[in-house]
N, C-alpha and C. Protein backbone atom coordinates (compact mmCIF):
# COMPACT_ATOMS: atom_id res chain seq x y z
N MET A 1 62.85 116.37 9.15
CA MET A 1 62.03 117.54 9.48
C MET A 1 60.55 117.21 9.27
N THR A 2 59.74 117.58 10.26
CA THR A 2 58.30 117.38 10.16
C THR A 2 57.69 118.36 9.16
N ILE A 3 56.87 117.86 8.25
CA ILE A 3 56.21 118.71 7.27
C ILE A 3 54.85 119.11 7.82
N ALA A 4 54.68 120.39 8.10
CA ALA A 4 53.46 120.90 8.72
C ALA A 4 52.71 121.84 7.77
N THR A 5 51.40 121.66 7.72
CA THR A 5 50.52 122.54 6.95
C THR A 5 49.53 123.19 7.89
N ALA A 6 49.36 124.49 7.77
CA ALA A 6 48.37 125.22 8.55
C ALA A 6 47.16 125.54 7.68
N ILE A 7 45.98 125.15 8.15
CA ILE A 7 44.74 125.49 7.48
C ILE A 7 44.13 126.68 8.20
N LEU A 8 44.04 127.80 7.51
CA LEU A 8 43.55 129.04 8.11
C LEU A 8 42.12 129.28 7.63
N LEU A 9 41.18 129.21 8.57
CA LEU A 9 39.77 129.37 8.25
C LEU A 9 39.40 130.85 8.24
N ALA A 10 39.01 131.35 7.08
CA ALA A 10 38.75 132.78 6.93
C ALA A 10 37.35 133.09 6.42
N GLY A 11 36.52 132.08 6.24
CA GLY A 11 35.25 132.30 5.54
C GLY A 11 34.03 132.40 6.42
N GLY A 12 34.20 132.57 7.73
CA GLY A 12 33.04 132.65 8.62
C GLY A 12 32.12 133.81 8.27
N SER A 13 30.86 133.67 8.66
CA SER A 13 29.86 134.68 8.28
C SER A 13 29.99 135.97 9.08
N GLY A 14 30.43 135.89 10.34
CA GLY A 14 30.58 137.10 11.15
C GLY A 14 29.27 137.79 11.46
N ASN A 15 28.18 137.03 11.58
CA ASN A 15 26.86 137.63 11.81
C ASN A 15 26.80 138.42 13.10
N ARG A 16 27.54 137.98 14.12
CA ARG A 16 27.48 138.64 15.42
C ARG A 16 28.26 139.95 15.47
N MET A 17 28.89 140.32 14.35
CA MET A 17 29.55 141.63 14.30
C MET A 17 28.54 142.75 14.06
N GLN A 18 27.27 142.40 13.88
CA GLN A 18 26.17 143.36 13.82
C GLN A 18 26.35 144.40 12.71
N GLY A 19 27.04 144.01 11.65
CA GLY A 19 27.22 144.92 10.53
C GLY A 19 28.22 146.04 10.75
N LYS A 20 28.96 146.00 11.87
CA LYS A 20 29.93 147.06 12.16
C LYS A 20 31.12 147.02 11.21
N VAL A 21 31.47 145.82 10.74
CA VAL A 21 32.50 145.67 9.72
C VAL A 21 31.96 144.74 8.64
N GLU A 22 32.38 144.94 7.41
CA GLU A 22 31.87 144.14 6.30
C GLU A 22 32.38 142.71 6.38
N ASP A 23 33.64 142.54 6.78
CA ASP A 23 34.25 141.21 6.89
C ASP A 23 35.24 141.29 8.05
N LYS A 24 34.95 140.57 9.15
CA LYS A 24 35.79 140.72 10.35
C LYS A 24 37.22 140.24 10.12
N ILE A 25 37.44 139.30 9.22
CA ILE A 25 38.78 138.81 8.95
C ILE A 25 39.63 139.88 8.25
N LEU A 26 38.96 140.78 7.52
CA LEU A 26 39.65 141.86 6.80
C LEU A 26 39.66 143.17 7.58
N ALA A 27 39.00 143.21 8.72
CA ALA A 27 38.89 144.45 9.49
C ALA A 27 40.27 144.90 9.99
N PRO A 28 40.52 146.21 10.03
CA PRO A 28 41.81 146.68 10.55
C PRO A 28 41.93 146.46 12.05
N LEU A 29 43.10 145.99 12.47
CA LEU A 29 43.34 145.72 13.88
C LEU A 29 44.82 145.88 14.16
N ALA A 30 45.16 146.82 15.03
CA ALA A 30 46.56 147.08 15.38
C ALA A 30 47.43 147.29 14.14
N GLY A 31 46.89 148.05 13.18
CA GLY A 31 47.67 148.47 12.03
C GLY A 31 47.68 147.54 10.84
N LYS A 32 46.92 146.43 10.90
CA LYS A 32 46.88 145.51 9.77
C LYS A 32 45.58 144.72 9.82
N PRO A 33 45.20 144.06 8.73
CA PRO A 33 43.97 143.26 8.76
C PRO A 33 44.05 142.14 9.79
N VAL A 34 42.90 141.75 10.32
CA VAL A 34 42.85 140.72 11.37
C VAL A 34 43.61 139.47 10.94
N ILE A 35 43.38 138.98 9.74
CA ILE A 35 44.00 137.73 9.31
C ILE A 35 45.51 137.83 9.20
N ALA A 36 46.03 139.02 8.96
CA ALA A 36 47.47 139.18 8.79
C ALA A 36 48.24 138.77 10.05
N HIS A 37 47.63 138.98 11.22
CA HIS A 37 48.29 138.60 12.47
C HIS A 37 48.48 137.09 12.54
N SER A 38 47.48 136.33 12.13
CA SER A 38 47.61 134.87 12.13
C SER A 38 48.63 134.41 11.10
N ILE A 39 48.56 134.97 9.90
CA ILE A 39 49.51 134.59 8.85
C ILE A 39 50.94 134.81 9.33
N GLU A 40 51.19 135.97 9.91
CA GLU A 40 52.54 136.29 10.36
C GLU A 40 53.00 135.35 11.47
N ALA A 41 52.09 134.96 12.35
CA ALA A 41 52.47 134.04 13.44
C ALA A 41 52.89 132.69 12.89
N PHE A 42 52.13 132.15 11.93
CA PHE A 42 52.47 130.84 11.38
C PHE A 42 53.75 130.91 10.55
N VAL A 43 53.92 131.97 9.79
CA VAL A 43 55.15 132.13 9.02
C VAL A 43 56.35 132.26 9.96
N SER A 44 56.20 133.05 11.01
CA SER A 44 57.31 133.31 11.94
C SER A 44 57.66 132.11 12.81
N SER A 45 56.77 131.13 12.88
CA SER A 45 57.08 129.94 13.68
C SER A 45 58.26 129.16 13.10
N ASP A 46 58.49 129.33 11.80
CA ASP A 46 59.58 128.64 11.08
C ASP A 46 59.45 127.12 11.11
N GLN A 47 58.26 126.61 11.42
CA GLN A 47 58.04 125.16 11.42
C GLN A 47 56.85 124.76 10.56
N VAL A 48 56.27 125.72 9.87
CA VAL A 48 55.15 125.46 8.97
C VAL A 48 55.62 125.67 7.53
N GLN A 49 55.46 124.65 6.72
CA GLN A 49 55.94 124.72 5.33
C GLN A 49 54.86 125.15 4.35
N HIS A 50 53.59 124.94 4.71
CA HIS A 50 52.49 125.23 3.79
C HIS A 50 51.36 125.94 4.53
N LEU A 51 50.75 126.90 3.86
CA LEU A 51 49.54 127.55 4.35
C LEU A 51 48.42 127.31 3.34
N VAL A 52 47.27 126.87 3.85
CA VAL A 52 46.07 126.74 3.03
C VAL A 52 45.03 127.67 3.64
N ILE A 53 44.64 128.70 2.90
CA ILE A 53 43.65 129.65 3.39
C ILE A 53 42.29 129.30 2.79
N VAL A 54 41.33 129.04 3.66
CA VAL A 54 39.98 128.65 3.23
C VAL A 54 39.12 129.89 3.19
N THR A 55 38.65 130.25 2.01
CA THR A 55 37.93 131.51 1.81
C THR A 55 36.43 131.28 1.62
N ARG A 56 35.69 132.37 1.70
CA ARG A 56 34.24 132.32 1.54
C ARG A 56 33.83 132.34 0.07
N ASP A 57 34.47 133.21 -0.71
CA ASP A 57 34.09 133.36 -2.12
C ASP A 57 35.25 134.03 -2.87
N ALA A 58 35.06 134.22 -4.17
CA ALA A 58 36.12 134.77 -5.01
C ALA A 58 36.48 136.20 -4.63
N GLU A 59 35.48 136.99 -4.23
CA GLU A 59 35.74 138.38 -3.85
C GLU A 59 36.64 138.44 -2.62
N GLN A 60 36.32 137.63 -1.60
CA GLN A 60 37.16 137.62 -0.40
C GLN A 60 38.56 137.09 -0.73
N ARG A 61 38.63 136.06 -1.56
CA ARG A 61 39.93 135.51 -1.93
C ARG A 61 40.82 136.57 -2.56
N SER A 62 40.27 137.40 -3.41
CA SER A 62 41.05 138.44 -4.05
C SER A 62 41.68 139.37 -3.02
N GLU A 63 40.92 139.74 -1.99
CA GLU A 63 41.46 140.61 -0.94
C GLU A 63 42.52 139.88 -0.12
N LEU A 64 42.27 138.61 0.17
CA LEU A 64 43.22 137.84 0.98
C LEU A 64 44.53 137.59 0.23
N GLU A 65 44.47 137.46 -1.07
CA GLU A 65 45.69 137.28 -1.85
C GLU A 65 46.61 138.50 -1.74
N LYS A 66 46.00 139.68 -1.66
CA LYS A 66 46.80 140.90 -1.49
C LYS A 66 47.46 140.91 -0.12
N ILE A 67 46.68 140.55 0.92
CA ILE A 67 47.21 140.56 2.29
C ILE A 67 48.31 139.53 2.45
N ALA A 68 48.13 138.36 1.85
CA ALA A 68 49.08 137.26 2.03
C ALA A 68 50.36 137.44 1.22
N SER A 69 50.54 138.58 0.59
CA SER A 69 51.75 138.81 -0.20
C SER A 69 53.00 138.83 0.67
N ILE A 70 52.83 138.84 2.01
CA ILE A 70 54.00 138.76 2.90
C ILE A 70 54.65 137.38 2.84
N VAL A 71 53.89 136.37 2.43
CA VAL A 71 54.38 134.99 2.52
C VAL A 71 55.57 134.70 1.61
N PRO A 72 55.62 135.17 0.36
CA PRO A 72 56.75 134.81 -0.50
C PRO A 72 58.11 135.21 0.05
N ASN A 73 58.16 136.04 1.06
CA ASN A 73 59.44 136.42 1.66
C ASN A 73 60.05 135.28 2.48
N ARG A 74 59.29 134.22 2.72
CA ARG A 74 59.77 133.07 3.49
C ARG A 74 59.70 131.81 2.63
N GLN A 75 60.37 130.77 3.10
CA GLN A 75 60.32 129.49 2.40
C GLN A 75 59.06 128.74 2.80
N ILE A 76 57.92 129.20 2.29
CA ILE A 76 56.64 128.63 2.67
C ILE A 76 55.69 128.75 1.48
N SER A 77 54.95 127.71 1.19
CA SER A 77 54.02 127.75 0.07
C SER A 77 52.65 128.22 0.55
N LEU A 78 51.89 128.75 -0.38
CA LEU A 78 50.58 129.31 -0.05
C LEU A 78 49.57 128.89 -1.11
N SER A 79 48.41 128.42 -0.66
CA SER A 79 47.33 128.10 -1.59
C SER A 79 46.00 128.50 -0.98
N PHE A 80 44.98 128.57 -1.83
CA PHE A 80 43.64 128.96 -1.41
C PHE A 80 42.65 127.89 -1.84
N THR A 81 41.60 127.73 -1.06
CA THR A 81 40.49 126.88 -1.44
C THR A 81 39.21 127.49 -0.91
N THR A 82 38.10 127.14 -1.50
CA THR A 82 36.81 127.70 -1.09
C THR A 82 36.14 126.77 -0.10
N GLY A 83 35.59 127.35 0.97
CA GLY A 83 34.91 126.57 1.98
C GLY A 83 33.50 126.21 1.60
N GLY A 84 32.78 125.62 2.56
CA GLY A 84 31.42 125.18 2.30
C GLY A 84 30.41 125.84 3.22
N ALA A 85 29.23 125.27 3.26
CA ALA A 85 28.13 125.87 4.01
C ALA A 85 28.34 125.78 5.52
N GLN A 86 28.93 124.68 5.99
CA GLN A 86 29.16 124.47 7.41
C GLN A 86 30.66 124.45 7.69
N ARG A 87 31.00 124.64 8.99
CA ARG A 87 32.41 124.66 9.36
C ARG A 87 33.11 123.37 8.93
N GLN A 88 32.47 122.22 9.15
CA GLN A 88 33.13 120.96 8.81
C GLN A 88 33.40 120.85 7.32
N ASP A 89 32.53 121.46 6.49
CA ASP A 89 32.76 121.45 5.05
C ASP A 89 34.01 122.26 4.69
N SER A 90 34.18 123.39 5.37
CA SER A 90 35.34 124.24 5.10
C SER A 90 36.64 123.58 5.55
N VAL A 91 36.61 122.95 6.73
CA VAL A 91 37.81 122.26 7.21
C VAL A 91 38.17 121.11 6.27
N TYR A 92 37.17 120.35 5.85
CA TYR A 92 37.44 119.22 4.96
C TYR A 92 38.01 119.70 3.63
N ALA A 93 37.52 120.83 3.12
CA ALA A 93 38.09 121.39 1.89
C ALA A 93 39.56 121.75 2.10
N GLY A 94 39.88 122.31 3.28
CA GLY A 94 41.26 122.64 3.58
C GLY A 94 42.13 121.40 3.69
N LEU A 95 41.62 120.36 4.33
CA LEU A 95 42.38 119.11 4.47
C LEU A 95 42.66 118.50 3.11
N GLN A 96 41.68 118.54 2.22
CA GLN A 96 41.86 117.98 0.89
C GLN A 96 42.86 118.79 0.06
N ALA A 97 42.97 120.08 0.38
CA ALA A 97 43.89 120.95 -0.37
C ALA A 97 45.32 120.90 0.17
N ALA A 98 45.52 120.25 1.31
CA ALA A 98 46.87 120.17 1.89
C ALA A 98 47.78 119.34 1.01
N PRO A 99 49.04 119.71 0.89
CA PRO A 99 49.97 118.92 0.09
C PRO A 99 50.08 117.48 0.60
N SER A 100 50.32 116.55 -0.30
CA SER A 100 50.31 115.13 0.04
C SER A 100 51.41 114.76 1.04
N GLU A 101 52.48 115.55 1.10
CA GLU A 101 53.58 115.22 2.02
C GLU A 101 53.33 115.70 3.45
N THR A 102 52.18 116.32 3.69
CA THR A 102 51.86 116.85 5.02
C THR A 102 51.87 115.73 6.06
N GLN A 103 52.53 115.98 7.18
CA GLN A 103 52.54 115.05 8.30
C GLN A 103 51.71 115.57 9.48
N ILE A 104 51.80 116.87 9.72
CA ILE A 104 51.07 117.53 10.80
C ILE A 104 50.23 118.64 10.20
N VAL A 105 48.97 118.73 10.64
CA VAL A 105 48.11 119.81 10.15
C VAL A 105 47.58 120.59 11.34
N LEU A 106 47.66 121.90 11.25
CA LEU A 106 47.15 122.81 12.27
C LEU A 106 45.92 123.51 11.70
N ILE A 107 44.81 123.45 12.40
CA ILE A 107 43.57 124.07 11.94
C ILE A 107 43.30 125.26 12.84
N HIS A 108 43.25 126.45 12.23
CA HIS A 108 43.19 127.68 13.01
C HIS A 108 42.08 128.60 12.52
N ASP A 109 41.32 129.11 13.46
CA ASP A 109 40.30 130.12 13.18
C ASP A 109 40.97 131.49 13.17
N CYS A 110 40.96 132.13 12.00
CA CYS A 110 41.67 133.41 11.88
C CYS A 110 41.01 134.54 12.65
N ALA A 111 39.85 134.28 13.25
CA ALA A 111 39.26 135.27 14.16
C ALA A 111 39.96 135.26 15.52
N ARG A 112 41.01 134.45 15.67
CA ARG A 112 41.87 134.47 16.86
C ARG A 112 43.24 135.03 16.45
N PRO A 113 43.39 136.34 16.39
CA PRO A 113 44.61 136.93 15.85
C PRO A 113 45.79 136.97 16.83
N CYS A 114 45.58 136.55 18.09
CA CYS A 114 46.65 136.66 19.08
C CYS A 114 47.48 135.39 19.22
N VAL A 115 47.28 134.42 18.35
CA VAL A 115 48.09 133.21 18.41
C VAL A 115 49.57 133.57 18.23
N THR A 116 50.44 132.85 18.93
CA THR A 116 51.87 133.18 18.91
C THR A 116 52.68 132.10 18.21
N PRO A 117 53.85 132.46 17.66
CA PRO A 117 54.73 131.44 17.07
C PRO A 117 55.12 130.36 18.08
N ALA A 118 55.34 130.74 19.34
CA ALA A 118 55.72 129.75 20.36
C ALA A 118 54.62 128.72 20.56
N ALA A 119 53.36 129.17 20.59
CA ALA A 119 52.24 128.25 20.76
C ALA A 119 52.12 127.31 19.56
N ILE A 120 52.39 127.83 18.38
CA ILE A 120 52.35 127.02 17.17
C ILE A 120 53.43 125.94 17.21
N ARG A 121 54.63 126.31 17.62
CA ARG A 121 55.72 125.33 17.70
C ARG A 121 55.40 124.23 18.72
N GLU A 122 54.85 124.62 19.87
CA GLU A 122 54.51 123.62 20.88
C GLU A 122 53.38 122.72 20.40
N SER A 123 52.44 123.27 19.65
CA SER A 123 51.34 122.48 19.10
C SER A 123 51.87 121.39 18.17
N ILE A 124 52.81 121.74 17.32
CA ILE A 124 53.40 120.77 16.40
C ILE A 124 54.13 119.68 17.16
N ALA A 125 54.90 120.07 18.17
CA ALA A 125 55.66 119.08 18.95
C ALA A 125 54.74 118.11 19.68
N LYS A 126 53.68 118.63 20.29
CA LYS A 126 52.76 117.77 21.05
C LYS A 126 51.94 116.86 20.13
N ALA A 127 51.51 117.38 18.99
CA ALA A 127 50.76 116.55 18.06
C ALA A 127 51.65 115.46 17.47
N SER A 128 52.92 115.76 17.26
CA SER A 128 53.85 114.75 16.76
C SER A 128 54.00 113.62 17.78
N GLU A 129 53.96 113.98 19.06
CA GLU A 129 54.16 113.00 20.13
C GLU A 129 52.89 112.19 20.42
N PHE A 130 51.74 112.89 20.51
CA PHE A 130 50.51 112.24 20.98
C PHE A 130 49.49 111.95 19.88
N GLY A 131 49.63 112.57 18.73
CA GLY A 131 48.65 112.41 17.66
C GLY A 131 47.74 113.60 17.50
N ALA A 132 47.49 114.32 18.60
CA ALA A 132 46.61 115.50 18.54
C ALA A 132 46.97 116.44 19.68
N ALA A 133 46.76 117.73 19.46
CA ALA A 133 47.04 118.74 20.48
C ALA A 133 46.13 119.93 20.26
N CYS A 134 45.89 120.69 21.32
CA CYS A 134 45.01 121.85 21.21
C CYS A 134 45.40 122.91 22.23
N LEU A 135 45.44 124.16 21.80
CA LEU A 135 45.53 125.25 22.75
C LEU A 135 44.23 125.31 23.53
N ALA A 136 44.33 125.45 24.84
CA ALA A 136 43.13 125.40 25.67
C ALA A 136 43.39 126.14 26.98
N ARG A 137 42.31 126.48 27.66
CA ARG A 137 42.41 127.14 28.96
C ARG A 137 41.58 126.37 29.98
N PRO A 138 42.16 126.03 31.14
CA PRO A 138 41.33 125.44 32.19
C PRO A 138 40.30 126.46 32.66
N VAL A 139 39.07 126.03 32.84
CA VAL A 139 37.99 126.94 33.23
C VAL A 139 38.17 127.35 34.69
N ALA A 140 38.19 128.66 34.94
CA ALA A 140 38.39 129.18 36.29
C ALA A 140 37.08 129.59 36.97
N ASP A 141 36.07 129.90 36.19
CA ASP A 141 34.80 130.34 36.75
C ASP A 141 34.02 129.14 37.32
N THR A 142 33.13 129.43 38.26
CA THR A 142 32.17 128.43 38.70
C THR A 142 31.11 128.27 37.61
N ILE A 143 30.90 127.04 37.17
CA ILE A 143 29.98 126.75 36.07
C ILE A 143 28.76 126.01 36.61
N LYS A 144 27.59 126.42 36.16
CA LYS A 144 26.34 125.78 36.55
C LYS A 144 25.64 125.21 35.33
N SER A 145 25.06 124.02 35.48
CA SER A 145 24.05 123.58 34.53
C SER A 145 22.70 123.97 35.13
N ALA A 146 21.73 124.27 34.29
CA ALA A 146 20.48 124.84 34.82
C ALA A 146 19.27 124.32 34.06
N ASP A 147 18.31 123.82 34.82
CA ASP A 147 17.01 123.45 34.26
C ASP A 147 16.02 124.59 34.53
N THR A 148 15.17 124.86 33.56
CA THR A 148 14.18 125.92 33.75
C THR A 148 13.14 125.49 34.78
N TYR A 149 12.64 126.50 35.53
CA TYR A 149 11.65 126.22 36.57
C TYR A 149 10.80 127.46 36.80
N ASP A 150 9.58 127.47 36.25
CA ASP A 150 8.63 128.56 36.46
C ASP A 150 9.25 129.94 36.18
N GLY A 151 9.93 130.06 35.05
CA GLY A 151 10.52 131.34 34.66
C GLY A 151 11.87 131.62 35.27
N ALA A 152 12.34 130.73 36.16
CA ALA A 152 13.68 130.85 36.73
C ALA A 152 14.45 129.56 36.42
N TYR A 153 15.46 129.25 37.22
CA TYR A 153 16.29 128.08 36.96
C TYR A 153 16.55 127.30 38.25
N LEU A 154 16.82 126.01 38.08
CA LEU A 154 17.32 125.16 39.16
C LEU A 154 18.76 124.81 38.81
N PRO A 155 19.75 125.50 39.41
CA PRO A 155 21.15 125.31 39.01
C PRO A 155 21.81 124.15 39.75
N THR A 156 22.76 123.52 39.06
CA THR A 156 23.60 122.48 39.63
C THR A 156 25.05 122.79 39.29
N THR A 157 25.92 122.77 40.29
CA THR A 157 27.33 123.08 40.05
C THR A 157 28.01 121.96 39.28
N VAL A 158 28.79 122.34 38.28
CA VAL A 158 29.55 121.40 37.46
C VAL A 158 30.99 121.36 37.96
N ASP A 159 31.58 120.19 38.01
CA ASP A 159 32.97 120.04 38.46
C ASP A 159 33.91 120.68 37.44
N ARG A 160 34.42 121.86 37.78
CA ARG A 160 35.23 122.60 36.81
C ARG A 160 36.65 122.03 36.67
N SER A 161 37.06 121.12 37.55
CA SER A 161 38.40 120.56 37.45
C SER A 161 38.59 119.76 36.16
N LYS A 162 37.48 119.37 35.52
CA LYS A 162 37.55 118.62 34.27
C LYS A 162 37.20 119.47 33.06
N LEU A 163 37.00 120.77 33.25
CA LEU A 163 36.53 121.62 32.16
C LEU A 163 37.66 122.45 31.56
N TRP A 164 37.71 122.44 30.26
CA TRP A 164 38.67 123.25 29.51
C TRP A 164 37.94 123.99 28.40
N ALA A 165 38.33 125.23 28.16
CA ALA A 165 37.80 126.01 27.04
C ALA A 165 38.76 125.86 25.86
N MET A 166 38.22 125.39 24.75
CA MET A 166 39.06 125.11 23.58
C MET A 166 39.38 126.38 22.79
N GLU A 167 40.60 126.43 22.27
CA GLU A 167 41.03 127.52 21.41
C GLU A 167 41.56 126.89 20.11
N THR A 168 42.21 127.69 19.29
CA THR A 168 42.88 127.16 18.11
C THR A 168 44.27 127.80 18.03
N PRO A 169 45.23 127.12 17.39
CA PRO A 169 45.04 125.97 16.51
C PRO A 169 44.76 124.67 17.27
N GLN A 170 44.02 123.80 16.57
CA GLN A 170 43.87 122.41 16.98
C GLN A 170 44.68 121.60 15.96
N THR A 171 45.57 120.77 16.46
CA THR A 171 46.66 120.23 15.65
C THR A 171 46.66 118.71 15.69
N PHE A 172 46.93 118.09 14.54
CA PHE A 172 46.77 116.64 14.41
C PHE A 172 47.83 116.06 13.48
N GLN A 173 48.12 114.79 13.70
CA GLN A 173 48.80 114.04 12.65
C GLN A 173 47.81 113.92 11.49
N TYR A 174 48.28 114.23 10.32
CA TYR A 174 47.39 114.42 9.17
C TYR A 174 46.48 113.23 8.88
N PRO A 175 46.99 111.99 8.85
CA PRO A 175 46.08 110.87 8.52
C PRO A 175 44.95 110.72 9.54
N ILE A 176 45.21 111.03 10.81
CA ILE A 176 44.19 110.89 11.85
C ILE A 176 43.01 111.82 11.58
N ILE A 177 43.31 113.09 11.34
CA ILE A 177 42.22 114.06 11.20
C ILE A 177 41.56 113.95 9.83
N LEU A 178 42.30 113.56 8.81
CA LEU A 178 41.69 113.38 7.48
C LEU A 178 40.67 112.25 7.52
N ASP A 179 41.03 111.12 8.11
CA ASP A 179 40.08 110.01 8.20
C ASP A 179 38.88 110.38 9.06
N ALA A 180 39.14 111.11 10.15
CA ALA A 180 38.04 111.51 11.04
C ALA A 180 37.06 112.42 10.32
N TYR A 181 37.56 113.34 9.53
CA TYR A 181 36.67 114.25 8.81
C TYR A 181 35.94 113.56 7.67
N LYS A 182 36.55 112.56 7.07
CA LYS A 182 35.83 111.79 6.06
C LYS A 182 34.58 111.18 6.68
N ASN A 183 34.72 110.64 7.90
CA ASN A 183 33.57 110.05 8.59
C ASN A 183 32.52 111.09 8.95
N ILE A 184 32.99 112.29 9.37
CA ILE A 184 32.06 113.36 9.72
C ILE A 184 31.26 113.80 8.50
N ILE A 185 31.93 113.97 7.38
CA ILE A 185 31.26 114.42 6.16
C ILE A 185 30.27 113.35 5.67
N GLU A 186 30.70 112.11 5.70
CA GLU A 186 29.83 111.03 5.23
C GLU A 186 28.59 110.87 6.10
N SER A 187 28.75 111.08 7.42
CA SER A 187 27.62 110.91 8.34
C SER A 187 26.75 112.16 8.44
N GLY A 188 27.28 113.31 7.99
CA GLY A 188 26.54 114.55 8.08
C GLY A 188 26.43 115.09 9.50
N THR A 189 27.35 114.68 10.37
CA THR A 189 27.33 115.10 11.77
C THR A 189 27.81 116.54 11.90
N PRO A 190 27.00 117.44 12.49
CA PRO A 190 27.46 118.82 12.69
C PRO A 190 28.41 118.90 13.89
N ILE A 191 29.53 119.58 13.72
CA ILE A 191 30.48 119.77 14.82
C ILE A 191 30.93 121.23 14.85
N THR A 192 31.35 121.67 16.02
CA THR A 192 31.75 123.08 16.18
C THR A 192 33.25 123.26 16.36
N ASP A 193 33.97 122.16 16.58
CA ASP A 193 35.43 122.26 16.60
C ASP A 193 36.00 120.93 16.11
N ASP A 194 37.32 120.92 15.88
CA ASP A 194 37.94 119.78 15.22
C ASP A 194 38.13 118.59 16.15
N LEU A 195 38.32 118.85 17.44
CA LEU A 195 38.45 117.74 18.39
C LEU A 195 37.18 116.89 18.41
N SER A 196 36.04 117.50 18.12
CA SER A 196 34.79 116.73 18.08
C SER A 196 34.85 115.62 17.04
N ALA A 197 35.66 115.80 16.01
CA ALA A 197 35.74 114.81 14.94
C ALA A 197 36.44 113.53 15.39
N ILE A 198 37.24 113.61 16.47
CA ILE A 198 38.02 112.43 16.89
C ILE A 198 37.52 111.86 18.22
N GLU A 199 36.42 112.39 18.75
CA GLU A 199 35.98 111.95 20.06
C GLU A 199 35.54 110.49 20.09
N ASP A 200 35.14 109.94 18.96
CA ASP A 200 34.64 108.57 18.92
C ASP A 200 35.74 107.54 18.67
N ILE A 201 36.99 107.97 18.54
CA ILE A 201 38.06 107.00 18.23
C ILE A 201 39.08 106.89 19.35
N ASP A 202 38.76 107.44 20.53
CA ASP A 202 39.65 107.33 21.71
C ASP A 202 41.06 107.82 21.42
N GLN A 203 41.14 108.94 20.72
CA GLN A 203 42.43 109.53 20.38
C GLN A 203 42.87 110.48 21.50
N PRO A 204 44.01 110.23 22.16
CA PRO A 204 44.48 111.17 23.19
C PRO A 204 44.80 112.53 22.58
N VAL A 205 44.59 113.58 23.36
CA VAL A 205 44.86 114.95 22.93
C VAL A 205 45.69 115.64 24.00
N ALA A 206 46.78 116.25 23.60
CA ALA A 206 47.58 117.05 24.52
C ALA A 206 46.97 118.45 24.60
N PHE A 207 46.51 118.84 25.78
CA PHE A 207 46.02 120.20 25.98
C PHE A 207 47.21 121.09 26.34
N ILE A 208 47.38 122.15 25.59
CA ILE A 208 48.46 123.10 25.84
C ILE A 208 47.88 124.29 26.57
N ASP A 209 48.20 124.42 27.83
CA ASP A 209 47.67 125.49 28.68
C ASP A 209 48.27 126.81 28.19
N ASN A 210 47.46 127.55 27.46
CA ASN A 210 47.95 128.78 26.84
C ASN A 210 48.15 129.86 27.88
N THR A 211 49.37 130.34 28.01
CA THR A 211 49.68 131.33 29.03
C THR A 211 49.40 132.75 28.58
N ARG A 212 49.10 132.94 27.30
CA ARG A 212 48.78 134.27 26.79
C ARG A 212 47.36 134.29 26.26
N PRO A 213 46.64 135.40 26.44
CA PRO A 213 45.25 135.46 25.96
C PRO A 213 45.18 135.22 24.45
N ASN A 214 44.20 134.44 24.03
CA ASN A 214 44.01 134.10 22.62
C ASN A 214 42.52 134.16 22.29
N PRO A 215 41.87 135.30 22.60
CA PRO A 215 40.41 135.37 22.44
C PRO A 215 39.98 135.42 20.98
N LYS A 216 38.71 135.13 20.77
CA LYS A 216 38.13 135.13 19.43
C LYS A 216 37.38 136.43 19.18
N LEU A 217 37.57 137.00 18.01
CA LEU A 217 36.81 138.17 17.59
C LEU A 217 35.41 137.72 17.20
N THR A 218 34.44 138.07 18.03
CA THR A 218 33.07 137.62 17.82
C THR A 218 32.10 138.78 17.67
N THR A 219 32.25 139.81 18.52
CA THR A 219 31.35 140.97 18.49
C THR A 219 32.19 142.24 18.40
N PRO A 220 31.58 143.37 18.04
CA PRO A 220 32.35 144.62 17.92
C PRO A 220 33.08 145.01 19.20
N SER A 221 32.55 144.63 20.36
CA SER A 221 33.19 145.00 21.62
C SER A 221 34.51 144.28 21.83
N ASP A 222 34.76 143.23 21.06
CA ASP A 222 36.04 142.51 21.18
C ASP A 222 37.20 143.26 20.54
N LEU A 223 36.92 144.15 19.61
CA LEU A 223 37.99 144.82 18.87
C LEU A 223 38.93 145.64 19.76
N PRO A 224 38.42 146.48 20.68
CA PRO A 224 39.36 147.24 21.52
C PRO A 224 40.24 146.35 22.39
N TYR A 225 39.68 145.26 22.91
CA TYR A 225 40.47 144.35 23.74
C TYR A 225 41.56 143.68 22.93
N LEU A 226 41.22 143.20 21.74
CA LEU A 226 42.22 142.58 20.89
C LEU A 226 43.31 143.57 20.48
N GLU A 227 42.89 144.80 20.21
CA GLU A 227 43.85 145.86 19.88
C GLU A 227 44.85 146.05 21.02
N TYR A 228 44.32 146.10 22.23
CA TYR A 228 45.18 146.25 23.42
C TYR A 228 46.16 145.09 23.54
N LEU A 229 45.66 143.85 23.37
CA LEU A 229 46.53 142.68 23.51
C LEU A 229 47.65 142.67 22.47
N LEU A 230 47.29 143.00 21.23
CA LEU A 230 48.29 142.96 20.16
C LEU A 230 49.32 144.08 20.30
N GLN A 231 48.90 145.21 20.79
CA GLN A 231 49.84 146.32 20.94
C GLN A 231 50.72 146.19 22.17
N SER A 232 50.24 145.41 23.16
CA SER A 232 51.04 145.27 24.38
C SER A 232 51.89 144.01 24.38
């Protein structure tokens, strides 16, 4: 049996929520806190043995410990660690807190509460086969790159056949992503997602074309849409 650990990132600042909620991860959504939807999905996948929740501070951790009380009902371990100033610091803290027997690690932004157990299972299978996997969506819109020109722009069409929008979880064989993040931390390179950490080592990644919406809670206007998705 593959030993899988999920790292759940919960410590984001949420600045773009414009003060509408104190902590977007704890905000009520479809009858439960936002993070509870992610926790339940990973627990229900029945293929994750460990959860590591990366928190912002002791106050948030206290609230998350209450929410995560659903976990002891399953054969799954739960631990907490504190994140850092940048996203890569928080991910690295989570990787270091993963149990030593971990073979596959899934890194998930808990601001994406619509992740499904089926997507989690497929992520583990693909990462086991290829070394890395990511939920993603092929870009359907026409995309332009644009240079400024006298207050307007000079647009150029980008070939969208090669464009994918990344989601989470992003999933890896544990030694691959741990070594990659060691290099990122040592070099001080800022990155915005986990695949960026492996781009310099020619590591193949299986893109999993997500058939169900998995949007990120970023602004207050996202809450009604996420509510609709979770209830339907």
